[in-house]
Amino acid sequence: MNKTQDEAIFELNTKWGETIQGMGGGWTGIPNLLLKKQGTLGLSSTELNVLINLIRFWWEASRAPFPSPEKIASEIGISSRSVFRTLASLEEKGFINRVSEPGKSTKYELNGLVEKLKIVKNSL
């Protein structure tokens, strides 16, 4: 049975409670494949956590997210320096692409992550 968006949100609220959602929350869609194949993808727990936080800010497919590393650091409880190192590692591994423009926040394109997930999916 396919659920409508309203039915799916109702189920999430039933499971987690509206109080949790109401705290400036909402929901983030994370592909199960990313969670199941973290090891296959070679992602550390910190890298996965930072990726999930980038995904949390990826509201539209055509617009790359741009949260500050400091915001991510304060929310997941690690130093800004650790987030900067993790972002560099994710870029080096091809999961993200950092795009900087003068006077604007750095954007984090997630096309690499999507492509890597497609490769893993096709190898199953």
N, C-alpha and C. Protein backbone atom coordinates (compact mmCIF):
# COMPACT_ATOMS: atom_id res chain seq x y z
N MET A 1 0.84 -1.18 0.00
CA MET A 1 0.00 0.00 0.00
C MET A 1 0.88 1.25 0.00
N ASN A 2 0.64 2.16 -0.90
CA ASN A 2 1.35 3.42 -0.94
C ASN A 2 0.64 4.42 -0.04
N LYS A 3 1.42 5.07 0.80
CA LYS A 3 0.84 6.05 1.69
C LYS A 3 0.96 7.44 1.09
N THR A 4 -0.02 8.25 1.39
CA THR A 4 0.09 9.64 0.99
C THR A 4 1.08 10.32 1.91
N GLN A 5 1.50 11.50 1.54
CA GLN A 5 2.43 12.26 2.38
C GLN A 5 1.82 12.53 3.74
N ASP A 6 0.55 12.88 3.79
CA ASP A 6 -0.13 13.13 5.06
C ASP A 6 -0.14 11.88 5.94
N GLU A 7 -0.39 10.72 5.34
CA GLU A 7 -0.41 9.48 6.10
C GLU A 7 0.98 9.15 6.64
N ALA A 8 2.00 9.40 5.84
CA ALA A 8 3.37 9.14 6.27
C ALA A 8 3.75 10.04 7.44
N ILE A 9 3.39 11.31 7.36
CA ILE A 9 3.68 12.25 8.44
C ILE A 9 2.92 11.85 9.70
N PHE A 10 1.67 11.41 9.53
CA PHE A 10 0.88 10.94 10.67
C PHE A 10 1.59 9.77 11.35
N GLU A 11 2.12 8.83 10.56
CA GLU A 11 2.83 7.69 11.12
C GLU A 11 4.08 8.13 11.88
N LEU A 12 4.83 9.07 11.32
CA LEU A 12 6.02 9.58 12.01
C LEU A 12 5.62 10.23 13.33
N ASN A 13 4.58 11.04 13.30
CA ASN A 13 4.12 11.70 14.52
C ASN A 13 3.64 10.68 15.54
N THR A 14 3.00 9.61 15.08
CA THR A 14 2.53 8.56 15.98
C THR A 14 3.72 7.87 16.64
N LYS A 15 4.75 7.57 15.84
CA LYS A 15 5.93 6.89 16.38
C LYS A 15 6.71 7.78 17.34
N TRP A 16 6.98 9.01 16.92
CA TRP A 16 7.90 9.87 17.64
C TRP A 16 7.21 10.91 18.51
N GLY A 17 5.97 11.18 18.25
CA GLY A 17 5.25 12.17 19.04
C GLY A 17 5.39 13.56 18.45
N GLU A 18 4.31 14.29 18.46
CA GLU A 18 4.32 15.64 17.90
C GLU A 18 5.21 16.58 18.69
N THR A 19 5.45 16.27 19.97
CA THR A 19 6.30 17.13 20.78
C THR A 19 7.70 17.21 20.20
N ILE A 20 8.23 16.06 19.79
CA ILE A 20 9.58 16.03 19.21
C ILE A 20 9.62 16.84 17.93
N GLN A 21 8.62 16.64 17.08
CA GLN A 21 8.59 17.38 15.82
C GLN A 21 8.43 18.87 16.07
N GLY A 22 7.66 19.23 17.07
CA GLY A 22 7.35 20.63 17.31
C GLY A 22 8.50 21.45 17.84
N MET A 23 9.59 20.84 18.22
CA MET A 23 10.73 21.57 18.77
C MET A 23 11.65 22.09 17.67
N GLY A 24 11.06 22.76 16.68
CA GLY A 24 11.87 23.25 15.56
C GLY A 24 12.35 22.09 14.71
N GLY A 25 11.69 20.97 14.83
CA GLY A 25 12.15 19.75 14.21
C GLY A 25 11.71 19.60 12.78
N GLY A 26 10.96 18.59 12.55
CA GLY A 26 10.63 18.18 11.20
C GLY A 26 11.30 16.85 10.96
N TRP A 27 11.42 16.47 9.73
CA TRP A 27 11.94 15.16 9.39
C TRP A 27 12.97 15.28 8.28
N THR A 28 13.93 14.37 8.30
CA THR A 28 14.96 14.32 7.27
C THR A 28 14.93 12.95 6.62
N GLY A 29 14.85 12.94 5.30
CA GLY A 29 14.86 11.67 4.56
C GLY A 29 16.28 11.20 4.34
N ILE A 30 16.62 10.09 4.96
CA ILE A 30 17.96 9.51 4.81
C ILE A 30 17.79 8.15 4.11
N PRO A 31 18.46 7.94 2.98
CA PRO A 31 18.33 6.63 2.33
C PRO A 31 18.85 5.52 3.24
N ASN A 32 18.06 4.46 3.39
CA ASN A 32 18.49 3.32 4.18
C ASN A 32 19.80 2.75 3.65
N LEU A 33 19.99 2.83 2.35
CA LEU A 33 21.21 2.31 1.73
C LEU A 33 22.45 3.00 2.33
N LEU A 34 22.35 4.28 2.60
CA LEU A 34 23.47 5.01 3.21
C LEU A 34 23.77 4.46 4.60
N LEU A 35 22.73 4.20 5.36
CA LEU A 35 22.93 3.69 6.72
C LEU A 35 23.42 2.24 6.70
N LYS A 36 22.87 1.42 5.81
CA LYS A 36 23.24 0.01 5.75
C LYS A 36 24.64 -0.21 5.20
N LYS A 37 25.07 0.63 4.28
CA LYS A 37 26.35 0.43 3.59
C LYS A 37 27.42 1.44 4.00
N GLN A 38 27.29 2.01 5.18
CA GLN A 38 28.28 2.97 5.68
C GLN A 38 29.69 2.37 5.61
N GLY A 39 29.84 1.12 6.05
CA GLY A 39 31.16 0.48 6.03
C GLY A 39 31.66 0.24 4.61
N THR A 40 30.77 -0.23 3.75
CA THR A 40 31.13 -0.47 2.34
C THR A 40 31.58 0.83 1.68
N LEU A 41 30.92 1.92 2.05
CA LEU A 41 31.26 3.23 1.49
C LEU A 41 32.53 3.82 2.10
N GLY A 42 33.02 3.22 3.17
CA GLY A 42 34.24 3.70 3.82
C GLY A 42 34.03 4.96 4.64
N LEU A 43 32.83 5.10 5.21
CA LEU A 43 32.51 6.29 6.01
C LEU A 43 32.70 6.02 7.49
N SER A 44 33.43 6.91 8.15
CA SER A 44 33.53 6.84 9.60
C SER A 44 32.22 7.32 10.21
N SER A 45 32.03 7.08 11.49
CA SER A 45 30.80 7.54 12.13
C SER A 45 30.70 9.07 12.11
N THR A 46 31.82 9.75 12.24
CA THR A 46 31.79 11.21 12.18
C THR A 46 31.45 11.68 10.77
N GLU A 47 32.02 11.04 9.76
CA GLU A 47 31.69 11.41 8.37
C GLU A 47 30.21 11.20 8.10
N LEU A 48 29.67 10.08 8.55
CA LEU A 48 28.24 9.82 8.35
C LEU A 48 27.41 10.88 9.06
N ASN A 49 27.77 11.22 10.27
CA ASN A 49 27.02 12.22 11.03
C ASN A 49 27.04 13.58 10.33
N VAL A 50 28.19 13.98 9.82
CA VAL A 50 28.28 15.26 9.11
C VAL A 50 27.46 15.19 7.81
N LEU A 51 27.54 14.07 7.09
CA LEU A 51 26.73 13.91 5.87
C LEU A 51 25.24 14.02 6.18
N ILE A 52 24.79 13.36 7.23
CA ILE A 52 23.38 13.43 7.61
C ILE A 52 22.98 14.87 7.90
N ASN A 53 23.87 15.62 8.54
CA ASN A 53 23.56 17.02 8.82
C ASN A 53 23.54 17.86 7.56
N LEU A 54 24.38 17.56 6.59
CA LEU A 54 24.30 18.26 5.30
C LEU A 54 22.98 17.93 4.62
N ILE A 55 22.60 16.65 4.64
CA ILE A 55 21.34 16.22 4.03
C ILE A 55 20.17 16.93 4.70
N ARG A 56 20.27 17.15 5.99
CA ARG A 56 19.20 17.82 6.74
C ARG A 56 18.89 19.21 6.18
N PHE A 57 19.89 19.84 5.61
CA PHE A 57 19.72 21.19 5.05
C PHE A 57 19.51 21.17 3.53
N TRP A 58 19.43 20.00 2.94
CA TRP A 58 19.24 19.86 1.49
C TRP A 58 17.74 19.79 1.20
N TRP A 59 17.10 20.93 1.14
CA TRP A 59 15.65 21.01 1.04
C TRP A 59 15.14 20.84 -0.38
N GLU A 60 15.92 21.23 -1.36
CA GLU A 60 15.50 21.13 -2.76
C GLU A 60 16.62 20.48 -3.56
N ALA A 61 16.26 19.56 -4.43
CA ALA A 61 17.26 18.83 -5.22
C ALA A 61 18.18 19.77 -5.99
N SER A 62 17.65 20.89 -6.44
CA SER A 62 18.43 21.80 -7.30
C SER A 62 19.25 22.83 -6.51
N ARG A 63 19.13 22.81 -5.18
CA ARG A 63 19.86 23.80 -4.37
C ARG A 63 20.75 23.11 -3.34
N ALA A 64 22.04 23.29 -3.48
CA ALA A 64 22.98 22.66 -2.55
C ALA A 64 22.84 23.28 -1.16
N PRO A 65 22.96 22.47 -0.12
CA PRO A 65 22.86 23.00 1.24
C PRO A 65 24.08 23.84 1.59
N PHE A 66 23.91 24.74 2.56
CA PHE A 66 25.02 25.61 2.94
C PHE A 66 25.09 25.89 4.44
N PRO A 67 24.94 24.86 5.30
CA PRO A 67 25.07 25.12 6.73
C PRO A 67 26.53 25.43 7.08
N SER A 68 26.72 26.23 8.08
CA SER A 68 28.10 26.54 8.47
C SER A 68 28.69 25.36 9.26
N PRO A 69 29.98 25.12 9.08
CA PRO A 69 30.63 24.07 9.87
C PRO A 69 30.48 24.31 11.37
N GLU A 70 30.45 25.56 11.78
CA GLU A 70 30.29 25.88 13.21
C GLU A 70 28.92 25.42 13.72
N LYS A 71 27.89 25.60 12.89
CA LYS A 71 26.54 25.16 13.28
C LYS A 71 26.50 23.64 13.41
N ILE A 72 27.06 22.95 12.44
CA ILE A 72 27.11 21.49 12.51
C ILE A 72 27.87 21.05 13.76
N ALA A 73 29.01 21.68 14.01
CA ALA A 73 29.83 21.32 15.17
C ALA A 73 29.06 21.48 16.48
N SER A 74 28.38 22.60 16.63
CA SER A 74 27.65 22.84 17.88
C SER A 74 26.50 21.87 18.05
N GLU A 75 25.88 21.46 16.95
CA GLU A 75 24.73 20.57 17.03
C GLU A 75 25.11 19.11 17.26
N ILE A 76 26.27 18.69 16.77
CA ILE A 76 26.64 17.28 16.98
C ILE A 76 27.68 17.11 18.09
N GLY A 77 28.11 18.23 18.66
CA GLY A 77 28.96 18.15 19.84
C GLY A 77 30.42 17.85 19.59
N ILE A 78 30.95 18.34 18.48
CA ILE A 78 32.38 18.21 18.22
C ILE A 78 32.92 19.59 17.88
N SER A 79 34.22 19.70 17.77
CA SER A 79 34.83 21.01 17.48
C SER A 79 34.61 21.40 16.01
N SER A 80 34.64 22.69 15.77
CA SER A 80 34.56 23.19 14.40
C SER A 80 35.71 22.64 13.57
N ARG A 81 36.86 22.55 14.18
CA ARG A 81 38.05 22.02 13.49
C ARG A 81 37.79 20.59 13.01
N SER A 82 37.14 19.79 13.86
CA SER A 82 36.82 18.41 13.47
C SER A 82 35.86 18.38 12.29
N VAL A 83 34.90 19.29 12.28
CA VAL A 83 33.96 19.35 11.16
C VAL A 83 34.70 19.76 9.89
N PHE A 84 35.58 20.77 9.98
CA PHE A 84 36.35 21.18 8.80
C PHE A 84 37.19 20.02 8.26
N ARG A 85 37.83 19.26 9.16
CA ARG A 85 38.63 18.10 8.72
C ARG A 85 37.74 17.04 8.08
N THR A 86 36.56 16.83 8.66
CA THR A 86 35.64 15.83 8.13
C THR A 86 35.13 16.25 6.75
N LEU A 87 34.80 17.51 6.59
CA LEU A 87 34.35 18.00 5.27
C LEU A 87 35.45 17.82 4.24
N ALA A 88 36.69 18.09 4.63
CA ALA A 88 37.82 17.89 3.70
C ALA A 88 37.95 16.42 3.32
N SER A 89 37.78 15.53 4.29
CA SER A 89 37.85 14.10 4.02
C SER A 89 36.72 13.65 3.10
N LEU A 90 35.51 14.15 3.36
CA LEU A 90 34.37 13.80 2.50
C LEU A 90 34.58 14.28 1.07
N GLU A 91 35.19 15.44 0.93
CA GLU A 91 35.46 15.96 -0.41
C GLU A 91 36.55 15.12 -1.08
N GLU A 92 37.59 14.79 -0.33
CA GLU A 92 38.68 13.98 -0.88
C GLU A 92 38.19 12.61 -1.33
N LYS A 93 37.23 12.04 -0.60
CA LYS A 93 36.66 10.73 -0.94
C LYS A 93 35.59 10.82 -2.02
N GLY A 94 35.23 12.03 -2.43
CA GLY A 94 34.28 12.21 -3.53
C GLY A 94 32.81 12.21 -3.14
N PHE A 95 32.51 12.35 -1.85
CA PHE A 95 31.11 12.38 -1.41
C PHE A 95 30.47 13.75 -1.57
N ILE A 96 31.26 14.79 -1.39
CA ILE A 96 30.75 16.15 -1.50
C ILE A 96 31.69 16.97 -2.39
N ASN A 97 31.17 18.09 -2.83
CA ASN A 97 31.98 19.08 -3.53
C ASN A 97 31.67 20.43 -2.88
N ARG A 98 32.70 21.05 -2.32
CA ARG A 98 32.50 22.36 -1.71
C ARG A 98 32.61 23.43 -2.79
N VAL A 99 31.63 24.33 -2.79
CA VAL A 99 31.60 25.42 -3.77
C VAL A 99 31.60 26.73 -3.01
N SER A 100 32.65 27.51 -3.22
CA SER A 100 32.77 28.80 -2.54
C SER A 100 32.62 29.93 -3.53
N GLU A 101 31.86 30.93 -3.14
CA GLU A 101 31.71 32.15 -3.93
C GLU A 101 31.99 33.32 -3.00
N PRO A 102 32.71 34.32 -3.48
CA PRO A 102 33.02 35.47 -2.63
C PRO A 102 31.76 36.09 -2.03
N GLY A 103 31.80 36.30 -0.72
CA GLY A 103 30.68 36.96 -0.04
C GLY A 103 29.49 36.07 0.25
N LYS A 104 29.59 34.76 -0.06
CA LYS A 104 28.47 33.84 0.17
C LYS A 104 28.94 32.66 1.01
N SER A 105 27.98 32.00 1.64
CA SER A 105 28.29 30.79 2.40
C SER A 105 28.75 29.68 1.46
N THR A 106 29.63 28.83 1.94
CA THR A 106 30.06 27.68 1.16
C THR A 106 28.90 26.73 0.99
N LYS A 107 28.72 26.25 -0.25
CA LYS A 107 27.69 25.27 -0.55
C LYS A 107 28.34 23.90 -0.63
N TYR A 108 27.53 22.89 -0.33
CA TYR A 108 28.01 21.52 -0.33
C TYR A 108 27.17 20.68 -1.28
N GLU A 109 27.70 20.45 -2.48
CA GLU A 109 26.99 19.65 -3.46
C GLU A 109 27.13 18.18 -3.07
N LEU A 110 26.02 17.46 -3.12
CA LEU A 110 25.98 16.06 -2.68
C LEU A 110 25.87 15.07 -3.84
N ASN A 111 26.17 15.53 -5.05
CA ASN A 111 26.08 14.66 -6.23
C ASN A 111 26.98 13.43 -6.10
N GLY A 112 28.14 13.62 -5.50
CA GLY A 112 29.07 12.50 -5.32
C GLY A 112 28.48 11.42 -4.45
N LEU A 113 27.81 11.82 -3.37
CA LEU A 113 27.15 10.86 -2.49
C LEU A 113 26.08 10.09 -3.25
N VAL A 114 25.27 10.81 -4.02
CA VAL A 114 24.20 10.18 -4.79
C VAL A 114 24.79 9.16 -5.76
N GLU A 115 25.85 9.53 -6.45
CA GLU A 115 26.48 8.63 -7.42
C GLU A 115 27.08 7.40 -6.74
N LYS A 116 27.71 7.59 -5.59
CA LYS A 116 28.27 6.46 -4.86
C LYS A 116 27.19 5.51 -4.38
N LEU A 117 26.06 6.04 -3.96
CA LEU A 117 24.94 5.19 -3.55
C LEU A 117 24.38 4.40 -4.73
N LYS A 118 24.34 5.03 -5.91
CA LYS A 118 23.89 4.32 -7.11
C LYS A 118 24.82 3.16 -7.43
N ILE A 119 26.10 3.37 -7.31
CA ILE A 119 27.10 2.31 -7.58
C ILE A 119 26.91 1.16 -6.60
N VAL A 120 26.76 1.49 -5.32
CA VAL A 120 26.55 0.44 -4.32
C VAL A 120 25.26 -0.32 -4.62
N LYS A 121 24.21 0.39 -4.94
CA LYS A 121 22.91 -0.24 -5.23
C LYS A 121 23.03 -1.17 -6.43
N ASN A 122 23.73 -0.73 -7.47
CA ASN A 122 23.87 -1.55 -8.68
C ASN A 122 24.77 -2.77 -8.47
N SER A 123 25.57 -2.76 -7.41
CA SER A 123 26.45 -3.89 -7.15
C SER A 123 25.79 -4.95 -6.28
N LEU A 124 24.57 -4.68 -5.82
CA LEU A 124 23.88 -5.65 -4.95
C LEU A 124 23.28 -6.78 -5.76
